Amino acid sequence: MNSLPTSTIRRMILIALAAVTGCAASSAFAAPNEAMAHALWEKSVRQNPAPASGCFHTTYPSVMWVRDQCHATPYHYTPGPRIAAAKQRDIVGDGHDYALAVNGLISQVVGSFPLVRGVQWEQSVGVPAFGGGGILGPNEYTLQINTNFAPATAACNGGAQGCFVWQQFIYSPDYAVQGSAAVFMQYWLINYQNACPDGFWSDGGADCYTNSDYVSAPDIPGTALQGETLTGSAVANGNDTVTFTYNNTAYSLSEPDSVLYIGTVWNQAEFNVVGNAGGSMAQFNPGSFMQVKLVVTDGSTAVPTCLKQAGTTGETNNLNLLMCNAWGGATPRIQFTQLN
């Protein structure tokens, strides 16, 4: 997908804003024009990430990134699936989810919830198969974009044969500080088996993981998913970036792709709302309904594939999956519905 220059999008935003605020603009046209300007701003934010590694934010209508302080991320982890132990295939997550797949390489995925209805409360609860761990309680959840368990890259050097790399782009309320959310990336060496490399921690088994720093973002309740967007991007020989957008502000963190070299092997992506770390479950009240959309950039206009039973996170929610549809063109994407 071709990107518009920042200056062009900024000019389009200003034109749209002028239409909103101009004396001749009627109230009938103000709301649609404002929505168009905001959509162009979000597009610019996604297509023009911060110019360096580190933590940043930008606030509508500005498209200029402002450097933020980065913070060290705690050791909580969001594990892969344990399907055989959980045996709960009627819920979303723990390997039971839709994933988007392409024939080439993914450079960016944007996850959002175009329509949410009936969500009155949400809470994160422990799951026995994962030891009942996680960050539990009301309004505890994560938004996750997860890569596939990708073939070994140079990051697996020193590990056992059969090592895989796996990367997660995460928004997590209360992950590090109560009342604030963390936006960060978590890196995994699956089936590494040997002593974990410097900077990685053992999960107690054969896998190793580490976290990026995090950028602080607002602690948004689970009833406000329709206003949240999570973007994950990976550029070989460049930076990987996670960006969380809510209302008028985007919060972003970038680190070199050389942590896992995921930009050289990423071809599947999962996005959803699930429990907050430790294999936990995001429980929604009965009658909850949401559409889930993943838009992919892979250098083509081809229709991506909806893969069943292809999710890679161990966290879950208590919703049920309906049919998944896929479209190509200027914005290749998949979209599916989940409800209870």
C-alpha atoms as a PDB file:
ATOM      1  CA  MET A   1       0.000   0.000   0.000  1.00  0.00           C
ATOM      2  CA  ASN A   2       1.458   3.384  -0.962  1.00  0.00           C
ATOM      3  CA  SER A   3       1.845   6.022   1.756  1.00  0.00           C
ATOM      4  CA  LEU A   4       1.004   9.671   1.330  1.00  0.00           C
ATOM      5  CA  PRO A   5       3.718  12.126   2.428  1.00  0.00           C
ATOM      6  CA  THR A   6       3.196  13.649   5.865  1.00  0.00           C
ATOM      7  CA  SER A   7       2.954  17.137   4.375  1.00  0.00           C
ATOM      8  CA  THR A   8       0.178  16.018   2.029  1.00  0.00           C
ATOM      9  CA  ILE A   9      -1.887  14.407   4.774  1.00  0.00           C
ATOM     10  CA  ARG A  10      -1.305  17.397   7.066  1.00  0.00           C
ATOM     11  CA  ARG A  11      -2.577  19.693   4.307  1.00  0.00           C
ATOM     12  CA  MET A  12      -5.646  17.470   3.833  1.00  0.00           C
ATOM     13  CA  ILE A  13      -6.308  17.557   7.571  1.00  0.00           C
ATOM     14  CA  LEU A  14      -6.083  21.345   7.619  1.00  0.00           C
ATOM     15  CA  ILE A  15      -8.473  21.601   4.674  1.00  0.00           C
ATOM     16  CA  ALA A  16     -10.933  19.299   6.430  1.00  0.00           C
ATOM     17  CA  LEU A  17     -10.618  21.283   9.645  1.00  0.00           C
ATOM     18  CA  ALA A  18     -11.182  24.513   7.746  1.00  0.00           C
ATOM     19  CA  ALA A  19     -14.398  23.030   6.434  1.00  0.00           C
ATOM     20  CA  VAL A  20     -15.403  22.239  10.018  1.00  0.00           C
ATOM     21  CA  THR A  21     -14.565  25.612  11.531  1.00  0.00           C
ATOM     22  CA  GLY A  22     -15.186  27.950   8.609  1.00  0.00           C
ATOM     23  CA  CYS A  23     -17.974  30.480   8.944  1.00  0.00           C
ATOM     24  CA  ALA A  24     -19.729  29.143   5.882  1.00  0.00           C
ATOM     25  CA  ALA A  25     -19.777  25.557   7.160  1.00  0.00           C
ATOM     26  CA  SER A  26     -23.200  24.387   8.252  1.00  0.00           C
ATOM     27  CA  SER A  27     -23.725  22.106  11.254  1.00  0.00           C
ATOM     28  CA  ALA A  28     -25.010  19.447   8.876  1.00  0.00           C
ATOM     29  CA  PHE A  29     -21.552  19.112   7.316  1.00  0.00           C
ATOM     30  CA  ALA A  30     -19.389  19.768  10.388  1.00  0.00           C
ATOM     31  CA  ALA A  31     -19.581  16.285  11.923  1.00  0.00           C
ATOM     32  CA  PRO A  32     -18.759  14.350   8.719  1.00  0.00           C
ATOM     33  CA  ASN A  33     -15.871  16.704   7.937  1.00  0.00           C
ATOM     34  CA  GLU A  34     -14.513  16.376  11.460  1.00  0.00           C
ATOM     35  CA  ALA A  35     -14.703  12.587  11.186  1.00  0.00           C
ATOM     36  CA  MET A  36     -12.847  12.730   7.856  1.00  0.00           C
ATOM     37  CA  ALA A  37     -10.132  14.961   9.339  1.00  0.00           C
ATOM     38  CA  HIS A  38      -9.707  12.611  12.285  1.00  0.00           C
ATOM     39  CA  ALA A  39      -9.481   9.577   9.992  1.00  0.00           C
ATOM     40  CA  LEU A  40      -6.788  11.303   7.924  1.00  0.00           C
ATOM     41  CA  TRP A  41      -4.887  12.134  11.099  1.00  0.00           C
ATOM     42  CA  GLU A  42      -4.983   8.496  12.238  1.00  0.00           C
ATOM     43  CA  LYS A  43      -3.797   7.386   8.803  1.00  0.00           C
ATOM     44  CA  SER A  44      -0.883   9.809   8.962  1.00  0.00           C
ATOM     45  CA  VAL A  45       0.059   8.598  12.450  1.00  0.00           C
ATOM     46  CA  ARG A  46       0.151   5.001  11.235  1.00  0.00           C
ATOM     47  CA  GLN A  47       2.010   5.665   8.008  1.00  0.00           C
ATOM     48  CA  ASN A  48       4.583   8.019   9.516  1.00  0.00           C
ATOM     49  CA  PRO A  49       5.871   6.518  12.762  1.00  0.00           C
ATOM     50  CA  ALA A  50       8.225   8.347  15.093  1.00  0.00           C
ATOM     51  CA  PRO A  51      11.596   8.939  13.421  1.00  0.00           C
ATOM     52  CA  ALA A  52      13.709   7.157  16.081  1.00  0.00           C
ATOM     53  CA  SER A  53      13.643   4.454  18.721  1.00  0.00           C
ATOM     54  CA  GLY A  54      11.955   5.457  21.962  1.00  0.00           C
ATOM     55  CA  CYS A  55       8.617   6.632  23.332  1.00  0.00           C
ATOM     56  CA  PHE A  56       6.411   9.301  21.752  1.00  0.00           C
ATOM     57  CA  HIS A  57       2.913  10.724  21.574  1.00  0.00           C
ATOM     58  CA  THR A  58       1.029  13.023  19.236  1.00  0.00           C
ATOM     59  CA  THR A  59      -2.334  14.734  19.674  1.00  0.00           C
ATOM     60  CA  TYR A  60      -4.870  15.541  16.960  1.00  0.00           C
ATOM     61  CA  PRO A  61      -4.643  17.475  14.696  1.00  0.00           C
ATOM     62  CA  SER A  62      -0.841  17.568  14.957  1.00  0.00           C
ATOM     63  CA  VAL A  63       1.103  14.914  13.032  1.00  0.00           C
ATOM     64  CA  MET A  64       4.377  15.746  14.770  1.00  0.00           C
ATOM     65  CA  TRP A  65       5.626  13.193  17.300  1.00  0.00           C
ATOM     66  CA  VAL A  66       6.659  14.495  20.747  1.00  0.00           C
ATOM     67  CA  ARG A  67       9.223  12.446  22.683  1.00  0.00           C
ATOM     68  CA  ASP A  68       8.002  10.913  25.958  1.00  0.00           C
ATOM     69  CA  GLN A  69       9.831   9.278  28.805  1.00  0.00           C
ATOM     70  CA  CYS A  70      10.245   5.516  28.432  1.00  0.00           C
ATOM     71  CA  HIS A  71       9.783   3.292  31.475  1.00  0.00           C
ATOM     72  CA  ALA A  72      11.167  -0.144  32.338  1.00  0.00           C
ATOM     73  CA  THR A  73       8.499  -2.830  31.913  1.00  0.00           C
ATOM     74  CA  PRO A  74       7.879  -5.403  34.694  1.00  0.00           C
ATOM     75  CA  TYR A  75       8.346  -9.141  34.213  1.00  0.00           C
ATOM     76  CA  HIS A  76       4.667 -10.048  33.730  1.00  0.00           C
ATOM     77  CA  TYR A  77       4.284 -12.147  30.612  1.00  0.00           C
ATOM     78  CA  THR A  78       1.531 -13.065  28.170  1.00  0.00           C
ATOM     79  CA  PRO A  79       2.145 -16.723  27.288  1.00  0.00           C
ATOM     80  CA  GLY A  80       1.354 -18.797  24.252  1.00  0.00           C
ATOM     81  CA  PRO A  81      -1.533 -21.290  24.151  1.00  0.00           C
ATOM     82  CA  ARG A  82      -1.864 -24.445  26.220  1.00  0.00           C
ATOM     83  CA  ILE A  83      -4.796 -25.893  24.307  1.00  0.00           C
ATOM     84  CA  ALA A  84      -4.404 -29.459  25.568  1.00  0.00           C
ATOM     85  CA  ALA A  85      -4.573 -28.319  29.175  1.00  0.00           C
ATOM     86  CA  ALA A  86      -7.354 -25.754  28.822  1.00  0.00           C
ATOM     87  CA  LYS A  87      -9.800 -27.736  26.650  1.00  0.00           C
ATOM     88  CA  GLN A  88     -12.054 -24.706  26.248  1.00  0.00           C
ATOM     89  CA  ARG A  89     -12.517 -24.412  22.493  1.00  0.00           C
ATOM     90  CA  ASP A  90     -15.830 -22.535  22.799  1.00  0.00           C
ATOM     91  CA  ILE A  91     -14.093 -19.354  23.965  1.00  0.00           C
ATOM     92  CA  VAL A  92     -11.816 -16.978  22.070  1.00  0.00           C
ATOM     93  CA  GLY A  93      -8.068 -17.242  22.602  1.00  0.00           C
ATOM     94  CA  ASP A  94      -5.653 -19.961  23.738  1.00  0.00           C
ATOM     95  CA  GLY A  95      -5.260 -20.995  20.099  1.00  0.00           C
ATOM     96  CA  HIS A  96      -8.952 -20.603  19.214  1.00  0.00           C
ATOM     97  CA  ASP A  97      -9.107 -17.372  17.208  1.00  0.00           C
ATOM     98  CA  TYR A  98      -8.969 -16.008  13.683  1.00  0.00           C
ATOM     99  CA  ALA A  99      -5.640 -14.834  12.282  1.00  0.00           C
ATOM    100  CA  LEU A 100      -4.902 -12.890   9.114  1.00  0.00           C
ATOM    101  CA  ALA A 101      -2.397 -14.500   6.728  1.00  0.00           C
ATOM    102  CA  VAL A 102      -0.647 -13.144   3.624  1.00  0.00           C
ATOM    103  CA  ASN A 103       1.650 -14.671   1.009  1.00  0.00           C
ATOM    104  CA  GLY A 104       4.365 -12.056   1.456  1.00  0.00           C
ATOM    105  CA  LEU A 105       5.608 -10.272   4.551  1.00  0.00           C
ATOM    106  CA  ILE A 106       3.548  -8.105   6.878  1.00  0.00           C
ATOM    107  CA  SER A 107       4.932  -4.647   7.584  1.00  0.00           C
ATOM    108  CA  GLN A 108       1.924  -3.357   9.555  1.00  0.00           C
ATOM    109  CA  VAL A 109      -1.346  -4.504  11.098  1.00  0.00           C
ATOM    110  CA  VAL A 110      -4.051  -2.208  12.488  1.00  0.00           C
ATOM    111  CA  GLY A 111      -6.565  -3.732  14.894  1.00  0.00           C
ATOM    112  CA  SER A 112      -9.827  -2.059  15.875  1.00  0.00           C
ATOM    113  CA  PHE A 113     -13.425  -2.698  16.950  1.00  0.00           C
ATOM    114  CA  PRO A 114     -15.694  -0.981  14.381  1.00  0.00           C
ATOM    115  CA  LEU A 115     -18.865  -1.865  16.277  1.00  0.00           C
ATOM    116  CA  VAL A 116     -19.353  -2.722  19.965  1.00  0.00           C
ATOM    117  CA  ARG A 117     -22.770  -3.212  21.523  1.00  0.00           C
ATOM    118  CA  GLY A 118     -24.083  -4.364  24.873  1.00  0.00           C
ATOM    119  CA  VAL A 119     -20.800  -4.256  26.820  1.00  0.00           C
ATOM    120  CA  GLN A 120     -21.744  -3.129  30.325  1.00  0.00           C
ATOM    121  CA  TRP A 121     -18.763  -4.536  32.234  1.00  0.00           C
ATOM    122  CA  GLU A 122     -15.544  -6.502  31.757  1.00  0.00           C
ATOM    123  CA  GLN A 123     -13.174  -8.178  34.182  1.00  0.00           C
ATOM    124  CA  SER A 124     -10.031 -10.299  34.002  1.00  0.00           C
ATOM    125  CA  VAL A 125     -10.144 -13.641  35.839  1.00  0.00           C
ATOM    126  CA  GLY A 126      -7.544 -16.329  36.401  1.00  0.00           C
ATOM    127  CA  VAL A 127      -7.521 -19.570  34.390  1.00  0.00           C
ATOM    128  CA  PRO A 128      -6.522 -22.789  36.242  1.00  0.00           C
ATOM    129  CA  ALA A 129      -4.578 -24.173  33.262  1.00  0.00           C
ATOM    130  CA  PHE A 130      -2.225 -21.183  33.574  1.00  0.00           C
ATOM    131  CA  GLY A 131      -2.025 -21.237  37.370  1.00  0.00           C
ATOM    132  CA  GLY A 132      -4.715 -18.589  37.887  1.00  0.00           C
ATOM    133  CA  GLY A 133      -2.232 -15.783  37.233  1.00  0.00           C
ATOM    134  CA  GLY A 134      -2.481 -12.407  35.569  1.00  0.00           C
ATOM    135  CA  ILE A 135      -3.579  -8.894  36.480  1.00  0.00           C
ATOM    136  CA  LEU A 136      -7.098  -9.606  37.671  1.00  0.00           C
ATOM    137  CA  GLY A 137     -10.202  -7.568  38.458  1.00  0.00           C
ATOM    138  CA  PRO A 138     -12.652  -5.131  36.814  1.00  0.00           C
ATOM    139  CA  ASN A 139     -11.513  -3.341  33.638  1.00  0.00           C
ATOM    140  CA  GLU A 140      -8.372  -5.465  33.327  1.00  0.00           C
ATOM    141  CA  TYR A 141      -7.662  -6.696  29.802  1.00  0.00           C
ATOM    142  CA  THR A 142      -5.097  -6.457  27.035  1.00  0.00           C
ATOM    143  CA  LEU A 143      -5.312  -5.542  23.393  1.00  0.00           C
ATOM    144  CA  GLN A 144      -2.823  -7.768  21.579  1.00  0.00           C
ATOM    145  CA  ILE A 145      -1.470  -7.996  18.058  1.00  0.00           C
ATOM    146  CA  ASN A 146       0.442 -11.268  17.897  1.00  0.00           C
ATOM    147  CA  THR A 147       2.663 -12.616  15.149  1.00  0.00           C
ATOM    148  CA  ASN A 148       2.735 -16.262  14.195  1.00  0.00           C
ATOM    149  CA  PHE A 149       5.316 -18.601  15.702  1.00  0.00           C
ATOM    150  CA  ALA A 150       7.746 -17.699  12.940  1.00  0.00           C
ATOM    151  CA  PRO A 151      10.702 -19.748  11.659  1.00  0.00           C
ATOM    152  CA  ALA A 152      14.035 -19.262  13.375  1.00  0.00           C
ATOM    153  CA  THR A 153      15.884 -16.007  12.770  1.00  0.00           C
ATOM    154  CA  ALA A 154      19.334 -14.963  13.937  1.00  0.00           C
ATOM    155  CA  ALA A 155      17.766 -14.379  17.372  1.00  0.00           C
ATOM    156  CA  CYS A 156      17.566 -18.164  17.790  1.00  0.00           C
ATOM    157  CA  ASN A 157      21.330 -18.603  17.521  1.00  0.00           C
ATOM    158  CA  GLY A 158      22.434 -20.461  20.633  1.00  0.00           C
ATOM    159  CA  GLY A 159      19.047 -22.104  21.094  1.00  0.00           C
ATOM    160  CA  ALA A 160      17.934 -25.619  20.314  1.00  0.00           C
ATOM    161  CA  GLN A 161      17.042 -26.760  16.826  1.00  0.00           C
ATOM    162  CA  GLY A 162      13.371 -26.003  16.322  1.00  0.00           C
ATOM    163  CA  CYS A 163      13.479 -22.575  17.998  1.00  0.00           C
ATOM    164  CA  PHE A 164      10.814 -20.097  16.836  1.00  0.00           C
ATOM    165  CA  VAL A 165      10.395 -16.351  17.317  1.00  0.00           C
ATOM    166  CA  TRP A 166       7.139 -14.746  18.436  1.00  0.00           C
ATOM    167  CA  GLN A 167       6.372 -11.067  18.993  1.00  0.00           C
ATOM    168  CA  GLN A 168       3.455  -9.320  20.693  1.00  0.00           C
ATOM    169  CA  PHE A 169       2.296  -5.696  20.429  1.00  0.00           C
ATOM    170  CA  ILE A 170       0.374  -4.906  23.609  1.00  0.00           C
ATOM    171  CA  TYR A 171      -1.817  -2.333  25.341  1.00  0.00           C
ATOM    172  CA  SER A 172      -2.284  -3.305  29.006  1.00  0.00           C
ATOM    173  CA  PRO A 173      -4.041  -1.315  31.771  1.00  0.00           C
ATOM    174  CA  ASP A 174      -2.309  -1.444  35.187  1.00  0.00           C
ATOM    175  CA  TYR A 175       0.564  -3.534  33.813  1.00  0.00           C
ATOM    176  CA  ALA A 176       3.203  -1.448  35.556  1.00  0.00           C
ATOM    177  CA  VAL A 177       1.420   1.335  37.454  1.00  0.00           C
ATOM    178  CA  GLN A 178      -2.086   1.242  38.939  1.00  0.00           C
ATOM    179  CA  GLY A 179      -4.331   3.668  37.100  1.00  0.00           C
ATOM    180  CA  SER A 180      -2.120   3.872  33.997  1.00  0.00           C
ATOM    181  CA  ALA A 181      -1.680   1.624  30.970  1.00  0.00           C
ATOM    182  CA  ALA A 182       1.501   0.345  29.322  1.00  0.00           C
ATOM    183  CA  VAL A 183       2.032   0.217  25.555  1.00  0.00           C
ATOM    184  CA  PHE A 184       4.943  -2.075  24.752  1.00  0.00           C
ATOM    185  CA  MET A 185       6.240  -5.121  22.865  1.00  0.00           C
ATOM    186  CA  GLN A 186       6.984  -8.561  24.275  1.00  0.00           C
ATOM    187  CA  TYR A 187       9.526 -10.802  22.569  1.00  0.00           C
ATOM    188  CA  TRP A 188       9.656 -14.606  22.759  1.00  0.00           C
ATOM    189  CA  LEU A 189      12.139 -17.321  21.836  1.00  0.00           C
ATOM    190  CA  ILE A 190       9.921 -20.414  21.706  1.00  0.00           C
ATOM    191  CA  ASN A 191      11.557 -23.794  22.331  1.00  0.00           C
ATOM    192  CA  TYR A 192      14.922 -22.152  22.995  1.00  0.00           C
ATOM    193  CA  GLN A 193      15.643 -24.803  25.668  1.00  0.00           C
ATOM    194  CA  ASN A 194      19.181 -23.675  26.464  1.00  0.00           C
ATOM    195  CA  ALA A 195      20.031 -20.959  29.006  1.00  0.00           C
ATOM    196  CA  CYS A 196      18.253 -17.783  27.929  1.00  0.00           C
ATOM    197  CA  PRO A 197      20.409 -15.151  26.210  1.00  0.00           C
ATOM    198  CA  ASP A 198      21.340 -11.939  28.005  1.00  0.00           C
ATOM    199  CA  GLY A 199      18.335  -9.720  28.556  1.00  0.00           C
ATOM    200  CA  PHE A 200      15.815 -12.583  28.312  1.00  0.00           C
ATOM    201  CA  TRP A 201      14.070 -14.366  31.188  1.00  0.00           C
ATOM    202  CA  SER A 202      12.963 -17.984  31.353  1.00  0.00           C
ATOM    203  CA  ASP A 203       9.235 -18.701  31.544  1.00  0.00           C
ATOM    204  CA  GLY A 204      10.072 -21.720  33.681  1.00  0.00           C
ATOM    205  CA  GLY A 205      10.067 -24.069  30.715  1.00  0.00           C
ATOM    206  CA  ALA A 206      11.869 -24.177  27.385  1.00  0.00           C
ATOM    207  CA  ASP A 207      10.917 -20.638  26.310  1.00  0.00           C
ATOM    208  CA  CYS A 208      12.543 -17.245  26.909  1.00  0.00           C
ATOM    209  CA  TYR A 209      10.939 -13.810  26.862  1.00  0.00           C
ATOM    210  CA  THR A 210      11.746 -10.153  27.385  1.00  0.00           C
ATOM    211  CA  ASN A 211       9.876  -6.849  27.248  1.00  0.00           C
ATOM    212  CA  SER A 212      10.597  -3.587  25.543  1.00  0.00           C
ATOM    213  CA  ASP A 213      10.336  -0.432  27.601  1.00  0.00           C
ATOM    214  CA  TYR A 214       6.825   0.973  27.708  1.00  0.00           C
ATOM    215  CA  VAL A 215       5.162   4.303  27.029  1.00  0.00           C
ATOM    216  CA  SER A 216       2.382   5.345  29.410  1.00  0.00           C
ATOM    217  CA  ALA A 217      -1.165   5.698  28.093  1.00  0.00           C
ATOM    218  CA  PRO A 218      -4.556   6.291  29.728  1.00  0.00           C
ATOM    219  CA  ASP A 219      -6.217   3.418  31.585  1.00  0.00           C
ATOM    220  CA  ILE A 220      -9.322   2.950  29.410  1.00  0.00           C
ATOM    221  CA  PRO A 221     -12.214   0.797  30.710  1.00  0.00           C
ATOM    222  CA  GLY A 222     -13.224  -2.338  28.836  1.00  0.00           C
ATOM    223  CA  THR A 223     -16.550  -0.714  27.967  1.00  0.00           C
ATOM    224  CA  ALA A 224     -14.796   1.750  25.604  1.00  0.00           C
ATOM    225  CA  LEU A 225     -13.254  -0.671  23.096  1.00  0.00           C
ATOM    226  CA  GLN A 226     -14.912   0.962  20.080  1.00  0.00           C
ATOM    227  CA  GLY A 227     -12.697   4.027  20.526  1.00  0.00           C
ATOM    228  CA  GLU A 228      -9.428   2.048  20.767  1.00  0.00           C
ATOM    229  CA  THR A 229      -7.003   1.160  17.956  1.00  0.00           C
ATOM    230  CA  LEU A 230      -3.772  -0.831  18.214  1.00  0.00           C
ATOM    231  CA  THR A 231      -1.121  -0.831  15.485  1.00  0.00           C
ATOM    232  CA  GLY A 232       1.915  -3.082  15.194  1.00  0.00           C
ATOM    233  CA  SER A 233       4.605  -2.663  12.558  1.00  0.00           C
ATOM    234  CA  ALA A 234       7.934  -4.301  11.778  1.00  0.00           C
ATOM    235  CA  VAL A 235      10.611  -3.126   9.362  1.00  0.00           C
ATOM    236  CA  ALA A 236      13.571  -5.361   8.614  1.00  0.00           C
ATOM    237  CA  ASN A 237      16.804  -3.409   9.235  1.00  0.00           C
ATOM    238  CA  GLY A 238      14.633  -0.706  10.799  1.00  0.00           C
ATOM    239  CA  ASN A 239      12.342  -0.351  13.812  1.00  0.00           C
ATOM    240  CA  ASP A 240       9.384  -2.265  15.166  1.00  0.00           C
ATOM    241  CA  THR A 241       6.629  -0.019  16.514  1.00  0.00           C
ATOM    242  CA  VAL A 242       3.535  -0.407  18.659  1.00  0.00           C
ATOM    243  CA  THR A 243       0.996   2.434  18.680  1.00  0.00           C
ATOM    244  CA  PHE A 244      -2.163   2.760  20.755  1.00  0.00           C
ATOM    245  CA  THR A 245      -4.703   5.372  19.676  1.00  0.00           C
ATOM    246  CA  TYR A 246      -7.658   6.532  21.739  1.00  0.00           C
ATOM    247  CA  ASN A 247      -9.787   9.522  20.803  1.00  0.00           C
ATOM    248  CA  ASN A 248      -7.379  12.347  19.952  1.00  0.00           C
ATOM    249  CA  THR A 249      -3.997  10.997  21.089  1.00  0.00           C
ATOM    250  CA  ALA A 250      -1.636   8.292  19.851  1.00  0.00           C
ATOM    251  CA  TYR A 251       0.999   6.720  22.121  1.00  0.00           C
ATOM    252  CA  SER A 252       3.905   4.976  20.428  1.00  0.00           C
ATOM    253  CA  LEU A 253       7.056   3.014  21.230  1.00  0.00           C
ATOM    254  CA  SER A 254       9.741   1.871  18.770  1.00  0.00           C
ATOM    255  CA  GLU A 255      12.699  -0.484  19.132  1.00  0.00           C
ATOM    256  CA  PRO A 256      15.103  -2.012  16.587  1.00  0.00           C
ATOM    257  CA  ASP A 257      13.771  -4.994  14.637  1.00  0.00           C
ATOM    258  CA  SER A 258      17.031  -6.763  15.474  1.00  0.00           C
ATOM    259  CA  VAL A 259      15.633  -7.989  18.830  1.00  0.00           C
ATOM    260  CA  LEU A 260      13.887 -10.870  16.995  1.00  0.00           C
ATOM    261  CA  TYR A 261      14.225  -9.862  13.315  1.00  0.00           C
ATOM    262  CA  ILE A 262      10.480 -10.427  13.064  1.00  0.00           C
ATOM    263  CA  GLY A 263      10.316  -8.118  10.040  1.00  0.00           C
ATOM    264  CA  THR A 264      12.011 -10.832   7.969  1.00  0.00           C
ATOM    265  CA  VAL A 265       9.480 -13.603   8.717  1.00  0.00           C
ATOM    266  CA  TRP A 266       6.112 -12.108   9.794  1.00  0.00           C
ATOM    267  CA  ASN A 267       3.218 -13.378   7.658  1.00  0.00           C
ATOM    268  CA  GLN A 268       0.301 -13.986  10.065  1.00  0.00           C
ATOM    269  CA  ALA A 269      -1.318 -11.721  12.662  1.00  0.00           C
ATOM    270  CA  GLU A 270      -3.883 -12.133  15.433  1.00  0.00           C
ATOM    271  CA  PHE A 271      -5.700  -9.206  17.095  1.00  0.00           C
ATOM    272  CA  ASN A 272      -8.221  -9.302  19.913  1.00  0.00           C
ATOM    273  CA  VAL A 273      -9.136  -8.247  23.439  1.00  0.00           C
ATOM    274  CA  VAL A 274      -8.176 -10.883  26.000  1.00  0.00           C
ATOM    275  CA  GLY A 275      -7.165 -11.241  29.671  1.00  0.00           C
ATOM    276  CA  ASN A 276      -4.481  -9.099  31.246  1.00  0.00           C
ATOM    277  CA  ALA A 277      -1.334 -11.278  31.241  1.00  0.00           C
ATOM    278  CA  GLY A 278      -0.597 -14.646  32.843  1.00  0.00           C
ATOM    279  CA  GLY A 279      -3.023 -16.641  30.677  1.00  0.00           C
ATOM    280  CA  SER A 280      -6.049 -14.883  32.204  1.00  0.00           C
ATOM    281  CA  MET A 281      -9.509 -14.439  30.657  1.00  0.00           C
ATOM    282  CA  ALA A 282     -11.346 -11.218  29.847  1.00  0.00           C
ATOM    283  CA  GLN A 283     -14.935 -11.859  30.899  1.00  0.00           C
ATOM    284  CA  PHE A 284     -17.686  -9.750  29.343  1.00  0.00           C
ATOM    285  CA  ASN A 285     -21.292  -9.549  30.517  1.00  0.00           C
ATOM    286  CA  PRO A 286     -23.889 -11.679  28.685  1.00  0.00           C
ATOM    287  CA  GLY A 287     -25.194  -9.895  25.600  1.00  0.00           C
ATOM    288  CA  SER A 288     -21.818  -8.415  24.628  1.00  0.00           C
ATOM    289  CA  PHE A 289     -21.243  -8.050  20.872  1.00  0.00           C
ATOM    290  CA  MET A 290     -18.245  -6.746  18.957  1.00  0.00           C
ATOM    291  CA  GLN A 291     -16.814  -6.658  15.458  1.00  0.00           C
ATOM    292  CA  VAL A 292     -13.062  -7.145  15.181  1.00  0.00           C
ATOM    293  CA  LYS A 293     -11.124  -5.742  12.199  1.00  0.00           C
ATOM    294  CA  LEU A 294      -7.499  -6.266  11.123  1.00  0.00           C
ATOM    295  CA  VAL A 295      -6.126  -4.136   8.279  1.00  0.00           C
ATOM    296  CA  VAL A 296      -2.807  -5.316   6.853  1.00  0.00           C
ATOM    297  CA  THR A 297      -0.012  -3.690   4.874  1.00  0.00           C
ATOM    298  CA  ASP A 298       2.030  -6.250   2.964  1.00  0.00           C
ATOM    299  CA  GLY A 299       2.899  -4.430  -0.263  1.00  0.00           C
ATOM    300  CA  SER A 300      -0.022  -5.927  -2.185  1.00  0.00           C
ATOM    301  CA  THR A 301      -3.741  -5.517  -2.779  1.00  0.00           C
ATOM    302  CA  ALA A 302      -4.406  -9.258  -2.530  1.00  0.00           C
ATOM    303  CA  VAL A 303      -7.191 -10.635  -0.359  1.00  0.00           C
ATOM    304  CA  PRO A 304      -5.686 -11.956   2.897  1.00  0.00           C
ATOM    305  CA  THR A 305      -6.731 -15.298   4.343  1.00  0.00           C
ATOM    306  CA  CYS A 306      -8.838 -15.820   7.460  1.00  0.00           C
ATOM    307  CA  LEU A 307      -7.145 -18.672   9.326  1.00  0.00           C
ATOM    308  CA  LYS A 308      -9.195 -20.629  11.862  1.00  0.00           C
ATOM    309  CA  GLN A 309      -7.685 -21.947  15.105  1.00  0.00           C
ATOM    310  CA  ALA A 310      -4.623 -19.831  14.375  1.00  0.00           C
ATOM    311  CA  GLY A 311      -4.247 -17.508  17.345  1.00  0.00           C
ATOM    312  CA  THR A 312      -0.998 -17.578  19.297  1.00  0.00           C
ATOM    313  CA  THR A 313      -1.820 -15.929  22.632  1.00  0.00           C
ATOM    314  CA  GLY A 314      -2.626 -17.959  25.729  1.00  0.00           C
ATOM    315  CA  GLU A 315      -4.994 -15.304  27.099  1.00  0.00           C
ATOM    316  CA  THR A 316      -8.691 -15.651  26.322  1.00  0.00           C
ATOM    317  CA  ASN A 317     -12.075 -13.946  26.453  1.00  0.00           C
ATOM    318  CA  ASN A 318     -15.482 -15.526  27.104  1.00  0.00           C
ATOM    319  CA  LEU A 319     -16.963 -14.671  23.701  1.00  0.00           C
ATOM    320  CA  ASN A 320     -17.830 -16.953  20.780  1.00  0.00           C
ATOM    321  CA  LEU A 321     -16.570 -16.521  17.227  1.00  0.00           C
ATOM    322  CA  LEU A 322     -18.833 -16.133  14.210  1.00  0.00           C
ATOM    323  CA  MET A 323     -17.867 -16.059  10.520  1.00  0.00           C
ATOM    324  CA  CYS A 324     -14.737 -14.276   9.283  1.00  0.00           C
ATOM    325  CA  ASN A 325     -14.693 -12.336   5.982  1.00  0.00           C
ATOM    326  CA  ALA A 326     -11.753 -10.970   3.981  1.00  0.00           C
ATOM    327  CA  TRP A 327     -11.310  -8.169   1.420  1.00  0.00           C
ATOM    328  CA  GLY A 328      -8.443  -6.988  -0.783  1.00  0.00           C
ATOM    329  CA  GLY A 329      -7.845  -3.679  -2.554  1.00  0.00           C
ATOM    330  CA  ALA A 330      -6.380  -0.502  -1.077  1.00  0.00           C
ATOM    331  CA  THR A 331      -6.970  -1.721   2.493  1.00  0.00           C
ATOM    332  CA  PRO A 332      -6.658  -5.527   2.629  1.00  0.00           C
ATOM    333  CA  ARG A 333      -8.366  -6.738   5.773  1.00  0.00           C
ATOM    334  CA  ILE A 334     -10.318  -9.371   7.623  1.00  0.00           C
ATOM    335  CA  GLN A 335     -13.292  -8.794   9.888  1.00  0.00           C
ATOM    336  CA  PHE A 336     -15.207 -11.099  12.201  1.00  0.00           C
ATOM    337  CA  THR A 337     -17.794 -10.944  14.950  1.00  0.00           C
ATOM    338  CA  GLN A 338     -17.697 -12.309  18.494  1.00  0.00           C
ATOM    339  CA  LEU A 339     -20.471 -12.344  21.070  1.00  0.00           C
ATOM    340  CA  ASN A 340     -21.947 -14.172  24.042  1.00  0.00           C
END
